[in-house]
Amino acid sequence: MPGVAPAQPPSRFKSGFTPEQAFQAWADNGAGDPFFYHSDSDDFDWSLNVTGTYTKSAGSTGTAALTAGDGGQGLLTTAATLNDYISLQRPIAAWTVPQGTLAGKKMFYAVRMALSDITNSAFIAGLCDTTATLFTTITDGIWFSKASGSTQLKLNIAKTSTTKTFNVASNNALVAATFLDLAFYVDKYGDVQYSVASQLFGYQQQTGMVPVPARCPTGMVYSGNKPGTVSSVYSLPTANLALTLALQAGAAAAKTLTVDFHGVAKER
């Protein structure tokens, strides 16, 4: 296809590969170390059909279900009621943000999502404490959001109910019924890098996109731990967090959030 770079042939490691150092237990395991990162990802091919995979919370009759679409997709739908909501959280809060004794570790989050209505809906996507009322009572976490009545993306960092919110500069504006990728990365200093673009994942740079995605990251907020950076204006959460998605209607009409995938990974 003209204008599209072909995928390159795979590299071949005849003896396998491993991230282990020589002194570690699985150092000679050429199949790699499955425990090097703690990771959880959902491509929405089947998991919503399994009881206990997510905790679902709704204001009234909102639903969360799989929907047909390339790559596997999940669909959150509110009732046609102002401020109605639907949310998904993993049933166990299995994540903490690296700091303290785990300082120097890295953590990653990403989601590919599309809103049916940009202005008249609100969403939350990221890592939050476990709660059935996400739009009113998040005490701890790192998450992306957008408020109803606004098109401004936000990055939020909360610890024990003290939340710092940053406007997210984006390479691509939110467009109704159009997928957008959001990602953040907590680096070894506790700085939080974020990226927003229409194609953060996938080998080929897609043609026909306007504008073409910029190089990551889109922006960063600083912990103050890295020499030469500004002092921190936020505190990283220490609570246990859960992988989270939520949608709220900002008008008396049903709204939808379509999700292609989301996930989180952290160095052990």
C-alpha atoms as a PDB file:
ATOM      1  CA  MET A   1       0.000   0.000   0.000  1.00  0.00           C
ATOM      2  CA  PRO A   2       1.598   3.314  -1.043  1.00  0.00           C
ATOM      3  CA  GLY A   3       2.755   5.528   1.822  1.00  0.00           C
ATOM      4  CA  VAL A   4       2.663   2.793   4.477  1.00  0.00           C
ATOM      5  CA  ALA A   5       5.943   1.333   5.726  1.00  0.00           C
ATOM      6  CA  PRO A   6       5.925  -2.496   5.765  1.00  0.00           C
ATOM      7  CA  ALA A   7       6.388  -4.271   9.066  1.00  0.00           C
ATOM      8  CA  GLN A   8       9.964  -5.461   9.519  1.00  0.00           C
ATOM      9  CA  PRO A   9      10.783  -9.182   9.956  1.00  0.00           C
ATOM     10  CA  PRO A  10      11.117 -10.271  13.586  1.00  0.00           C
ATOM     11  CA  SER A  11      14.443 -10.429  15.365  1.00  0.00           C
ATOM     12  CA  ARG A  12      15.504 -13.990  16.102  1.00  0.00           C
ATOM     13  CA  PHE A  13      17.129 -14.730  19.451  1.00  0.00           C
ATOM     14  CA  LYS A  14      18.136 -18.377  19.075  1.00  0.00           C
ATOM     15  CA  SER A  15      18.879 -18.834  22.764  1.00  0.00           C
ATOM     16  CA  GLY A  16      15.937 -16.727  23.882  1.00  0.00           C
ATOM     17  CA  PHE A  17      16.209 -13.557  25.943  1.00  0.00           C
ATOM     18  CA  THR A  18      15.773 -12.414  29.512  1.00  0.00           C
ATOM     19  CA  PRO A  19      15.711  -9.176  31.522  1.00  0.00           C
ATOM     20  CA  GLU A  20      17.241 -11.031  34.491  1.00  0.00           C
ATOM     21  CA  GLN A  21      20.657 -10.151  35.828  1.00  0.00           C
ATOM     22  CA  ALA A  22      23.195 -12.977  36.071  1.00  0.00           C
ATOM     23  CA  PHE A  23      22.714 -13.472  39.831  1.00  0.00           C
ATOM     24  CA  GLN A  24      18.919 -13.772  39.667  1.00  0.00           C
ATOM     25  CA  ALA A  25      16.979 -17.021  39.919  1.00  0.00           C
ATOM     26  CA  TRP A  26      15.783 -17.238  36.307  1.00  0.00           C
ATOM     27  CA  ALA A  27      18.932 -15.801  34.735  1.00  0.00           C
ATOM     28  CA  ASP A  28      19.320 -18.657  32.216  1.00  0.00           C
ATOM     29  CA  ASN A  29      15.638 -18.926  31.304  1.00  0.00           C
ATOM     30  CA  GLY A  30      15.581 -17.973  27.621  1.00  0.00           C
ATOM     31  CA  ALA A  31      11.798 -17.682  27.638  1.00  0.00           C
ATOM     32  CA  GLY A  32      12.079 -14.556  29.785  1.00  0.00           C
ATOM     33  CA  ASP A  33      10.875 -13.725  33.267  1.00  0.00           C
ATOM     34  CA  PRO A  34       7.065 -13.382  33.462  1.00  0.00           C
ATOM     35  CA  PHE A  35       7.412 -11.753  36.874  1.00  0.00           C
ATOM     36  CA  PHE A  36       9.810  -8.964  35.858  1.00  0.00           C
ATOM     37  CA  TYR A  37       6.810  -6.626  35.476  1.00  0.00           C
ATOM     38  CA  HIS A  38       3.469  -6.790  37.215  1.00  0.00           C
ATOM     39  CA  SER A  39       0.998  -6.084  34.423  1.00  0.00           C
ATOM     40  CA  ASP A  40      -2.726  -6.114  33.731  1.00  0.00           C
ATOM     41  CA  SER A  41      -4.219  -5.375  30.320  1.00  0.00           C
ATOM     42  CA  ASP A  42      -7.644  -5.843  28.770  1.00  0.00           C
ATOM     43  CA  ASP A  43      -8.242  -5.867  25.009  1.00  0.00           C
ATOM     44  CA  PHE A  44     -11.998  -6.368  25.527  1.00  0.00           C
ATOM     45  CA  ASP A  45     -12.311  -9.617  23.593  1.00  0.00           C
ATOM     46  CA  TRP A  46     -14.008 -11.647  26.317  1.00  0.00           C
ATOM     47  CA  SER A  47     -13.344 -10.487  29.870  1.00  0.00           C
ATOM     48  CA  LEU A  48     -16.562  -8.531  30.505  1.00  0.00           C
ATOM     49  CA  ASN A  49     -18.434 -11.827  30.200  1.00  0.00           C
ATOM     50  CA  VAL A  50     -16.659 -13.304  33.226  1.00  0.00           C
ATOM     51  CA  THR A  51     -18.174 -12.699  36.664  1.00  0.00           C
ATOM     52  CA  GLY A  52     -15.719 -10.995  38.988  1.00  0.00           C
ATOM     53  CA  THR A  53     -13.497  -9.569  36.267  1.00  0.00           C
ATOM     54  CA  TYR A  54     -14.785  -6.049  37.005  1.00  0.00           C
ATOM     55  CA  THR A  55     -16.891  -4.408  39.655  1.00  0.00           C
ATOM     56  CA  LYS A  56     -19.638  -2.503  37.848  1.00  0.00           C
ATOM     57  CA  SER A  57     -21.344   0.488  39.460  1.00  0.00           C
ATOM     58  CA  ALA A  58     -24.201   2.482  37.939  1.00  0.00           C
ATOM     59  CA  GLY A  59     -26.382   5.406  38.915  1.00  0.00           C
ATOM     60  CA  SER A  60     -29.501   3.743  37.516  1.00  0.00           C
ATOM     61  CA  THR A  61     -29.652   1.571  34.391  1.00  0.00           C
ATOM     62  CA  GLY A  62     -26.242   2.238  32.872  1.00  0.00           C
ATOM     63  CA  THR A  63     -24.535  -0.768  31.284  1.00  0.00           C
ATOM     64  CA  ALA A  64     -21.068  -2.074  30.435  1.00  0.00           C
ATOM     65  CA  ALA A  65     -20.740  -4.765  27.781  1.00  0.00           C
ATOM     66  CA  LEU A  66     -18.603  -5.979  24.921  1.00  0.00           C
ATOM     67  CA  THR A  67     -19.414  -4.546  21.494  1.00  0.00           C
ATOM     68  CA  ALA A  68     -18.446  -5.556  17.975  1.00  0.00           C
ATOM     69  CA  GLY A  69     -15.408  -3.762  16.559  1.00  0.00           C
ATOM     70  CA  ASP A  70     -11.922  -4.394  15.272  1.00  0.00           C
ATOM     71  CA  GLY A  71      -9.425  -5.203  18.017  1.00  0.00           C
ATOM     72  CA  GLY A  72     -12.046  -6.047  20.644  1.00  0.00           C
ATOM     73  CA  GLN A  73     -14.067  -3.264  22.245  1.00  0.00           C
ATOM     74  CA  GLY A  74     -15.968  -2.509  25.439  1.00  0.00           C
ATOM     75  CA  LEU A  75     -18.931  -0.133  25.617  1.00  0.00           C
ATOM     76  CA  LEU A  76     -20.044   1.873  28.653  1.00  0.00           C
ATOM     77  CA  THR A  77     -23.527   3.399  28.267  1.00  0.00           C
ATOM     78  CA  THR A  78     -25.328   5.702  30.704  1.00  0.00           C
ATOM     79  CA  ALA A  79     -29.071   6.010  31.156  1.00  0.00           C
ATOM     80  CA  ALA A  80     -30.773   9.000  29.495  1.00  0.00           C
ATOM     81  CA  THR A  81     -30.654  10.908  32.780  1.00  0.00           C
ATOM     82  CA  LEU A  82     -28.576  13.939  33.767  1.00  0.00           C
ATOM     83  CA  ASN A  83     -25.562  12.878  35.893  1.00  0.00           C
ATOM     84  CA  ASP A  84     -26.244   9.169  35.459  1.00  0.00           C
ATOM     85  CA  TYR A  85     -23.013   7.180  35.471  1.00  0.00           C
ATOM     86  CA  ILE A  86     -21.514   3.774  34.806  1.00  0.00           C
ATOM     87  CA  SER A  87     -18.079   2.635  36.002  1.00  0.00           C
ATOM     88  CA  LEU A  88     -15.761  -0.365  35.836  1.00  0.00           C
ATOM     89  CA  GLN A  89     -13.016  -1.156  38.351  1.00  0.00           C
ATOM     90  CA  ARG A  90     -10.951  -4.269  38.826  1.00  0.00           C
ATOM     91  CA  PRO A  91     -12.377  -5.945  41.945  1.00  0.00           C
ATOM     92  CA  ILE A  92      -9.043  -5.827  43.778  1.00  0.00           C
ATOM     93  CA  ALA A  93      -6.937  -2.673  44.215  1.00  0.00           C
ATOM     94  CA  ALA A  94      -3.688  -4.364  43.151  1.00  0.00           C
ATOM     95  CA  TRP A  95      -1.429  -1.375  42.395  1.00  0.00           C
ATOM     96  CA  THR A  96       0.689   1.109  44.289  1.00  0.00           C
ATOM     97  CA  VAL A  97       2.675   3.933  42.707  1.00  0.00           C
ATOM     98  CA  PRO A  98       6.476   3.423  43.021  1.00  0.00           C
ATOM     99  CA  GLN A  99       8.028   5.487  45.829  1.00  0.00           C
ATOM    100  CA  GLY A 100       9.590   4.948  49.239  1.00  0.00           C
ATOM    101  CA  THR A 101      11.206   1.493  49.253  1.00  0.00           C
ATOM    102  CA  LEU A 102      10.149   1.068  45.604  1.00  0.00           C
ATOM    103  CA  ALA A 103      11.551   4.430  44.456  1.00  0.00           C
ATOM    104  CA  GLY A 104      13.330   4.106  41.113  1.00  0.00           C
ATOM    105  CA  LYS A 105      10.786   1.668  39.667  1.00  0.00           C
ATOM    106  CA  LYS A 106       8.772   2.607  36.588  1.00  0.00           C
ATOM    107  CA  MET A 107       5.006   2.453  36.059  1.00  0.00           C
ATOM    108  CA  PHE A 108       2.930   2.759  32.863  1.00  0.00           C
ATOM    109  CA  TYR A 109      -0.765   3.218  32.021  1.00  0.00           C
ATOM    110  CA  ALA A 110      -2.623   3.489  28.717  1.00  0.00           C
ATOM    111  CA  VAL A 111      -6.132   3.549  27.271  1.00  0.00           C
ATOM    112  CA  ARG A 112      -7.609   3.887  23.771  1.00  0.00           C
ATOM    113  CA  MET A 113     -11.103   5.376  24.038  1.00  0.00           C
ATOM    114  CA  ALA A 114     -13.828   7.297  22.213  1.00  0.00           C
ATOM    115  CA  LEU A 115     -16.693   9.411  23.577  1.00  0.00           C
ATOM    116  CA  SER A 116     -20.016   9.692  21.759  1.00  0.00           C
ATOM    117  CA  ASP A 117     -20.468  13.281  22.993  1.00  0.00           C
ATOM    118  CA  ILE A 118     -17.423  15.385  23.818  1.00  0.00           C
ATOM    119  CA  THR A 119     -19.018  18.335  25.615  1.00  0.00           C
ATOM    120  CA  ASN A 120     -21.991  16.767  27.370  1.00  0.00           C
ATOM    121  CA  SER A 121     -20.243  13.903  29.099  1.00  0.00           C
ATOM    122  CA  ALA A 122     -17.549  13.325  31.725  1.00  0.00           C
ATOM    123  CA  PHE A 123     -15.106  10.454  31.963  1.00  0.00           C
ATOM    124  CA  ILE A 124     -12.408   9.006  34.218  1.00  0.00           C
ATOM    125  CA  ALA A 125      -9.661   6.633  33.051  1.00  0.00           C
ATOM    126  CA  GLY A 126      -6.641   5.515  35.050  1.00  0.00           C
ATOM    127  CA  LEU A 127      -5.799   4.169  38.500  1.00  0.00           C
ATOM    128  CA  CYS A 128      -8.039   5.104  41.428  1.00  0.00           C
ATOM    129  CA  ASP A 129      -8.941   3.911  44.898  1.00  0.00           C
ATOM    130  CA  THR A 130     -11.889   1.552  44.997  1.00  0.00           C
ATOM    131  CA  THR A 131     -15.192   3.430  45.185  1.00  0.00           C
ATOM    132  CA  ALA A 132     -18.663   3.120  43.699  1.00  0.00           C
ATOM    133  CA  THR A 133     -18.967   6.922  43.368  1.00  0.00           C
ATOM    134  CA  LEU A 134     -15.944   7.888  41.305  1.00  0.00           C
ATOM    135  CA  PHE A 135     -17.303  11.260  40.184  1.00  0.00           C
ATOM    136  CA  THR A 136     -17.572  12.507  43.763  1.00  0.00           C
ATOM    137  CA  THR A 137     -15.216  10.571  46.050  1.00  0.00           C
ATOM    138  CA  ILE A 138     -11.822   9.691  44.555  1.00  0.00           C
ATOM    139  CA  THR A 139      -9.291  10.049  47.378  1.00  0.00           C
ATOM    140  CA  ASP A 140      -6.176   8.515  45.771  1.00  0.00           C
ATOM    141  CA  GLY A 141      -4.926   7.826  42.274  1.00  0.00           C
ATOM    142  CA  ILE A 142      -3.519   9.022  38.973  1.00  0.00           C
ATOM    143  CA  TRP A 143      -6.100   9.387  36.212  1.00  0.00           C
ATOM    144  CA  PHE A 144      -7.214  11.272  33.125  1.00  0.00           C
ATOM    145  CA  SER A 145     -10.561  13.033  33.134  1.00  0.00           C
ATOM    146  CA  LYS A 146     -12.800  15.510  31.402  1.00  0.00           C
ATOM    147  CA  ALA A 147     -15.662  17.385  33.038  1.00  0.00           C
ATOM    148  CA  SER A 148     -19.091  17.793  31.504  1.00  0.00           C
ATOM    149  CA  GLY A 149     -19.463  21.141  29.745  1.00  0.00           C
ATOM    150  CA  SER A 150     -15.760  21.237  28.881  1.00  0.00           C
ATOM    151  CA  THR A 151     -13.468  19.783  26.226  1.00  0.00           C
ATOM    152  CA  GLN A 152     -10.299  20.184  28.337  1.00  0.00           C
ATOM    153  CA  LEU A 153      -8.469  16.972  29.168  1.00  0.00           C
ATOM    154  CA  LYS A 154      -7.073  16.800  32.714  1.00  0.00           C
ATOM    155  CA  LEU A 155      -4.400  14.775  34.483  1.00  0.00           C
ATOM    156  CA  ASN A 156      -5.169  14.246  38.175  1.00  0.00           C
ATOM    157  CA  ILE A 157      -2.852  13.105  40.978  1.00  0.00           C
ATOM    158  CA  ALA A 158      -4.441  12.545  44.402  1.00  0.00           C
ATOM    159  CA  LYS A 159      -3.201  11.471  47.819  1.00  0.00           C
ATOM    160  CA  THR A 160      -5.530  11.156  50.821  1.00  0.00           C
ATOM    161  CA  SER A 161      -8.158  13.464  49.275  1.00  0.00           C
ATOM    162  CA  THR A 162      -5.686  16.165  48.230  1.00  0.00           C
ATOM    163  CA  THR A 163      -5.906  16.343  44.457  1.00  0.00           C
ATOM    164  CA  LYS A 164      -3.744  18.310  42.047  1.00  0.00           C
ATOM    165  CA  THR A 165      -5.215  18.722  38.558  1.00  0.00           C
ATOM    166  CA  PHE A 166      -3.238  19.692  35.446  1.00  0.00           C
ATOM    167  CA  ASN A 167      -4.542  20.776  32.052  1.00  0.00           C
ATOM    168  CA  VAL A 168      -3.309  18.291  29.458  1.00  0.00           C
ATOM    169  CA  ALA A 169      -1.848  19.749  26.280  1.00  0.00           C
ATOM    170  CA  SER A 170      -2.810  17.392  23.463  1.00  0.00           C
ATOM    171  CA  ASN A 171      -1.597  16.713  19.943  1.00  0.00           C
ATOM    172  CA  ASN A 172      -5.126  15.786  18.949  1.00  0.00           C
ATOM    173  CA  ALA A 173      -8.358  17.328  20.210  1.00  0.00           C
ATOM    174  CA  LEU A 174     -11.129  15.061  21.397  1.00  0.00           C
ATOM    175  CA  VAL A 175     -13.466  14.274  18.501  1.00  0.00           C
ATOM    176  CA  ALA A 176     -16.813  12.562  18.978  1.00  0.00           C
ATOM    177  CA  ALA A 177     -16.882   8.840  18.119  1.00  0.00           C
ATOM    178  CA  THR A 178     -13.131   8.906  17.320  1.00  0.00           C
ATOM    179  CA  PHE A 179     -10.526   6.904  19.214  1.00  0.00           C
ATOM    180  CA  LEU A 180      -7.805   8.761  21.106  1.00  0.00           C
ATOM    181  CA  ASP A 181      -4.897   7.237  23.031  1.00  0.00           C
ATOM    182  CA  LEU A 182      -4.020   8.482  26.526  1.00  0.00           C
ATOM    183  CA  ALA A 183      -0.994   7.263  28.469  1.00  0.00           C
ATOM    184  CA  PHE A 184       1.073   8.198  31.491  1.00  0.00           C
ATOM    185  CA  TYR A 185       4.443   7.032  32.763  1.00  0.00           C
ATOM    186  CA  VAL A 186       5.737   7.437  36.319  1.00  0.00           C
ATOM    187  CA  ASP A 187       9.515   7.511  35.900  1.00  0.00           C
ATOM    188  CA  LYS A 188      12.253   6.643  38.377  1.00  0.00           C
ATOM    189  CA  TYR A 189      12.149  10.145  39.877  1.00  0.00           C
ATOM    190  CA  GLY A 190       8.389  10.128  40.422  1.00  0.00           C
ATOM    191  CA  ASP A 191       7.856  12.582  37.543  1.00  0.00           C
ATOM    192  CA  VAL A 192       4.656  11.848  35.624  1.00  0.00           C
ATOM    193  CA  GLN A 193       4.977  12.020  31.840  1.00  0.00           C
ATOM    194  CA  TYR A 194       1.784  11.932  29.785  1.00  0.00           C
ATOM    195  CA  SER A 195       1.097  11.333  26.105  1.00  0.00           C
ATOM    196  CA  VAL A 196      -2.010  12.061  24.039  1.00  0.00           C
ATOM    197  CA  ALA A 197      -2.301  11.184  20.351  1.00  0.00           C
ATOM    198  CA  SER A 198      -4.411   9.309  17.847  1.00  0.00           C
ATOM    199  CA  GLN A 199      -1.886   6.472  17.407  1.00  0.00           C
ATOM    200  CA  LEU A 200       0.413   5.884  20.363  1.00  0.00           C
ATOM    201  CA  PHE A 201       0.299   2.097  19.902  1.00  0.00           C
ATOM    202  CA  GLY A 202       1.022   0.020  16.824  1.00  0.00           C
ATOM    203  CA  TYR A 203       4.116  -0.385  14.673  1.00  0.00           C
ATOM    204  CA  GLN A 204       3.061   1.583  11.596  1.00  0.00           C
ATOM    205  CA  GLN A 205       2.626   5.336  11.613  1.00  0.00           C
ATOM    206  CA  GLN A 206      -0.820   5.643  10.124  1.00  0.00           C
ATOM    207  CA  THR A 207      -1.343   7.660   6.957  1.00  0.00           C
ATOM    208  CA  GLY A 208      -4.069  10.213   6.461  1.00  0.00           C
ATOM    209  CA  MET A 209      -3.971  11.470  10.055  1.00  0.00           C
ATOM    210  CA  VAL A 210      -4.183  15.202  10.664  1.00  0.00           C
ATOM    211  CA  PRO A 211      -2.168  16.107  12.573  1.00  0.00           C
ATOM    212  CA  VAL A 212       0.434  13.339  12.584  1.00  0.00           C
ATOM    213  CA  PRO A 213       1.114  12.239  16.195  1.00  0.00           C
ATOM    214  CA  ALA A 214       4.045  14.022  17.801  1.00  0.00           C
ATOM    215  CA  ARG A 215       6.875  12.252  19.575  1.00  0.00           C
ATOM    216  CA  CYS A 216       6.117  11.264  23.158  1.00  0.00           C
ATOM    217  CA  PRO A 217       5.736  12.588  25.731  1.00  0.00           C
ATOM    218  CA  THR A 218       3.159  15.320  25.217  1.00  0.00           C
ATOM    219  CA  GLY A 219       3.920  16.808  28.628  1.00  0.00           C
ATOM    220  CA  MET A 220       5.260  16.203  32.128  1.00  0.00           C
ATOM    221  CA  VAL A 221       4.675  17.205  35.737  1.00  0.00           C
ATOM    222  CA  TYR A 222       7.627  17.153  38.105  1.00  0.00           C
ATOM    223  CA  SER A 223       8.079  15.539  41.508  1.00  0.00           C
ATOM    224  CA  GLY A 224      11.095  17.680  42.362  1.00  0.00           C
ATOM    225  CA  ASN A 225      13.238  14.576  42.948  1.00  0.00           C
ATOM    226  CA  LYS A 226      15.285  14.945  39.762  1.00  0.00           C
ATOM    227  CA  PRO A 227      18.178  17.416  40.110  1.00  0.00           C
ATOM    228  CA  GLY A 228      17.530  20.641  38.253  1.00  0.00           C
ATOM    229  CA  THR A 229      13.745  20.326  38.055  1.00  0.00           C
ATOM    230  CA  VAL A 230      11.112  22.476  39.693  1.00  0.00           C
ATOM    231  CA  SER A 231       9.750  21.647  43.129  1.00  0.00           C
ATOM    232  CA  SER A 232       6.803  19.307  43.278  1.00  0.00           C
ATOM    233  CA  VAL A 233       3.263  20.603  43.597  1.00  0.00           C
ATOM    234  CA  TYR A 234       1.755  17.135  44.060  1.00  0.00           C
ATOM    235  CA  SER A 235       2.197  14.057  46.229  1.00  0.00           C
ATOM    236  CA  LEU A 236       2.050  10.585  44.707  1.00  0.00           C
ATOM    237  CA  PRO A 237      -0.624   8.338  46.221  1.00  0.00           C
ATOM    238  CA  THR A 238       0.438   5.580  48.603  1.00  0.00           C
ATOM    239  CA  ALA A 239      -2.928   3.773  48.721  1.00  0.00           C
ATOM    240  CA  ASN A 240      -3.774   0.616  46.789  1.00  0.00           C
ATOM    241  CA  LEU A 241      -5.325   1.498  43.418  1.00  0.00           C
ATOM    242  CA  ALA A 242      -7.509  -0.270  40.853  1.00  0.00           C
ATOM    243  CA  LEU A 243      -7.639  -0.082  37.061  1.00  0.00           C
ATOM    244  CA  THR A 244     -10.628   2.197  36.416  1.00  0.00           C
ATOM    245  CA  LEU A 245     -12.997   3.448  33.692  1.00  0.00           C
ATOM    246  CA  ALA A 246     -16.067   5.611  34.247  1.00  0.00           C
ATOM    247  CA  LEU A 247     -18.575   7.658  32.229  1.00  0.00           C
ATOM    248  CA  GLN A 248     -21.147  10.244  33.343  1.00  0.00           C
ATOM    249  CA  ALA A 249     -23.939  11.857  31.335  1.00  0.00           C
ATOM    250  CA  GLY A 250     -23.833  15.658  31.276  1.00  0.00           C
ATOM    251  CA  ALA A 251     -27.279  15.927  29.728  1.00  0.00           C
ATOM    252  CA  ALA A 252     -30.575  14.042  29.860  1.00  0.00           C
ATOM    253  CA  ALA A 253     -29.548  11.719  27.045  1.00  0.00           C
ATOM    254  CA  ALA A 254     -27.656   8.431  26.950  1.00  0.00           C
ATOM    255  CA  LYS A 255     -23.880   8.792  26.458  1.00  0.00           C
ATOM    256  CA  THR A 256     -21.333   6.154  25.528  1.00  0.00           C
ATOM    257  CA  LEU A 257     -17.641   5.498  26.084  1.00  0.00           C
ATOM    258  CA  THR A 258     -16.067   2.942  23.740  1.00  0.00           C
ATOM    259  CA  VAL A 259     -12.768   1.403  24.849  1.00  0.00           C
ATOM    260  CA  ASP A 260     -10.421  -0.538  22.569  1.00  0.00           C
ATOM    261  CA  PHE A 261      -7.969  -1.447  25.333  1.00  0.00           C
ATOM    262  CA  HIS A 262      -6.538  -0.291  28.646  1.00  0.00           C
ATOM    263  CA  GLY A 263      -3.822  -1.540  30.929  1.00  0.00           C
ATOM    264  CA  VAL A 264      -1.124  -0.889  33.511  1.00  0.00           C
ATOM    265  CA  ALA A 265       2.378  -2.261  34.136  1.00  0.00           C
ATOM    266  CA  LYS A 266       5.005  -1.714  36.851  1.00  0.00           C
ATOM    267  CA  GLU A 267       8.526  -2.940  37.486  1.00  0.00           C
ATOM    268  CA  ARG A 268       8.827  -5.227  40.470  1.00  0.00           C
END
